[in-house]
C-alpha atoms as a PDB file:
ATOM      1  CA  MET A   1       9.715   3.844  17.052  1.00  0.00           C
ATOM      2  CA  VAL A   2      13.455   4.433  16.766  1.00  0.00           C
ATOM      3  CA  PRO A   3      14.773   4.347  13.172  1.00  0.00           C
ATOM      4  CA  ARG A   4      17.178   1.494  12.465  1.00  0.00           C
ATOM      5  CA  GLU A   5      20.640   2.065  11.146  1.00  0.00           C
ATOM      6  CA  GLN A   6      20.601  -1.173   9.122  1.00  0.00           C
ATOM      7  CA  PRO A   7      17.813  -3.035   7.280  1.00  0.00           C
ATOM      8  CA  GLY A   8      16.352  -6.023   9.103  1.00  0.00           C
ATOM      9  CA  GLU A   9      13.255  -8.018   9.946  1.00  0.00           C
ATOM     10  CA  SER A  10      10.140  -5.956  10.551  1.00  0.00           C
ATOM     11  CA  ASN A  11       6.532  -6.594  11.483  1.00  0.00           C
ATOM     12  CA  TRP A  12       5.552  -3.880   9.000  1.00  0.00           C
ATOM     13  CA  ALA A  13       7.389  -5.667   6.206  1.00  0.00           C
ATOM     14  CA  ALA A  14       5.679  -8.957   7.083  1.00  0.00           C
ATOM     15  CA  PHE A  15       2.300  -7.179   7.138  1.00  0.00           C
ATOM     16  CA  ARG A  16       2.882  -5.669   3.680  1.00  0.00           C
ATOM     17  CA  GLU A  17       4.004  -9.054   2.341  1.00  0.00           C
ATOM     18  CA  ILE A  18       0.750 -10.670   3.506  1.00  0.00           C
ATOM     19  CA  GLN A  19      -1.266  -7.844   1.937  1.00  0.00           C
ATOM     20  CA  SER A  20       0.585  -8.353  -1.323  1.00  0.00           C
ATOM     21  CA  MET A  21      -0.100 -12.090  -1.260  1.00  0.00           C
ATOM     22  CA  LEU A  22      -3.800 -11.557  -0.539  1.00  0.00           C
ATOM     23  CA  GLN A  23      -4.363  -9.315  -3.545  1.00  0.00           C
ATOM     24  CA  LYS A  24      -3.266 -12.212  -5.751  1.00  0.00           C
ATOM     25  CA  ILE A  25      -5.943 -14.556  -4.395  1.00  0.00           C
ATOM     26  CA  VAL A  26      -8.833 -12.185  -3.580  1.00  0.00           C
ATOM     27  CA  PRO A  27     -10.774 -11.369  -6.759  1.00  0.00           C
ATOM     28  CA  ASN A  28     -11.158  -7.713  -7.747  1.00  0.00           C
ATOM     29  CA  SER A  29      -8.663  -6.447  -5.205  1.00  0.00           C
ATOM     30  CA  GLY A  30      -5.529  -4.376  -5.458  1.00  0.00           C
ATOM     31  CA  MET A  31      -2.935  -2.570  -3.419  1.00  0.00           C
ATOM     32  CA  ALA A  32      -1.632   0.994  -3.418  1.00  0.00           C
ATOM     33  CA  VAL A  33       1.609   2.008  -1.750  1.00  0.00           C
ATOM     34  CA  THR A  34       1.109   4.714   0.883  1.00  0.00           C
ATOM     35  CA  ILE A  35       4.208   4.302   3.026  1.00  0.00           C
ATOM     36  CA  ASP A  36       5.561   7.615   1.729  1.00  0.00           C
ATOM     37  CA  ILE A  37       2.583   9.716   2.890  1.00  0.00           C
ATOM     38  CA  GLY A  38       2.105   8.485   6.425  1.00  0.00           C
ATOM     39  CA  ASN A  39       3.634   8.471   9.836  1.00  0.00           C
ATOM     40  CA  ALA A  40       6.204   5.750  10.566  1.00  0.00           C
ATOM     41  CA  ASN A  41       4.385   4.910  13.812  1.00  0.00           C
ATOM     42  CA  ASP A  42       0.827   4.849  12.438  1.00  0.00           C
ATOM     43  CA  ILE A  43      -0.618   2.650   9.698  1.00  0.00           C
ATOM     44  CA  HIS A  44      -3.344   5.221   8.905  1.00  0.00           C
ATOM     45  CA  PRO A  45      -2.108   8.155   6.781  1.00  0.00           C
ATOM     46  CA  LEU A  46      -3.723  11.503   7.536  1.00  0.00           C
ATOM     47  CA  THR A  47      -3.882  12.393   3.837  1.00  0.00           C
ATOM     48  CA  LYS A  48      -6.931  10.280   2.940  1.00  0.00           C
ATOM     49  CA  GLU A  49      -7.429  12.110  -0.356  1.00  0.00           C
ATOM     50  CA  GLU A  50      -4.062  10.892  -1.648  1.00  0.00           C
ATOM     51  CA  VAL A  51      -4.854   7.337  -0.519  1.00  0.00           C
ATOM     52  CA  GLY A  52      -8.157   7.513  -2.428  1.00  0.00           C
ATOM     53  CA  HIS A  53      -6.411   8.867  -5.507  1.00  0.00           C
ATOM     54  CA  ARG A  54      -3.911   6.021  -5.541  1.00  0.00           C
ATOM     55  CA  LEU A  55      -6.614   3.397  -5.014  1.00  0.00           C
ATOM     56  CA  SER A  56      -8.644   4.932  -7.846  1.00  0.00           C
ATOM     57  CA  LEU A  57      -5.655   4.475 -10.147  1.00  0.00           C
ATOM     58  CA  VAL A  58      -5.528   0.794  -9.163  1.00  0.00           C
ATOM     59  CA  ALA A  59      -9.235   0.457 -10.004  1.00  0.00           C
ATOM     60  CA  LEU A  60      -8.865   2.247 -13.334  1.00  0.00           C
ATOM     61  CA  ALA A  61      -6.021  -0.059 -14.341  1.00  0.00           C
ATOM     62  CA  LYS A  62      -7.355  -3.377 -13.025  1.00  0.00           C
ATOM     63  CA  THR A  63     -11.091  -2.958 -13.545  1.00  0.00           C
ATOM     64  CA  TYR A  64     -11.272  -0.690 -16.555  1.00  0.00           C
ATOM     65  CA  GLY A  65      -8.071  -1.711 -18.312  1.00  0.00           C
ATOM     66  CA  ARG A  66      -6.718   1.802 -18.597  1.00  0.00           C
ATOM     67  CA  THR A  67      -3.008   2.390 -18.952  1.00  0.00           C
ATOM     68  CA  ILE A  68      -1.764   4.186 -15.853  1.00  0.00           C
ATOM     69  CA  GLU A  69       1.710   5.638 -15.442  1.00  0.00           C
END
């Protein structure tokens, strides 16, 4: 994938928007941002431990009511 010089429409952006909408209607669900730890051409980050850490923070905040920074 060639980086764009200017912002514009993107299938990735549309995909993330749908994910964001789903977490509002699916009970007990959440979303963690991982775009900064992956490969621009692959939706699956290699650093699974960091993904798990971020998702655990979502669970602690949403399920257990803990304050997370």
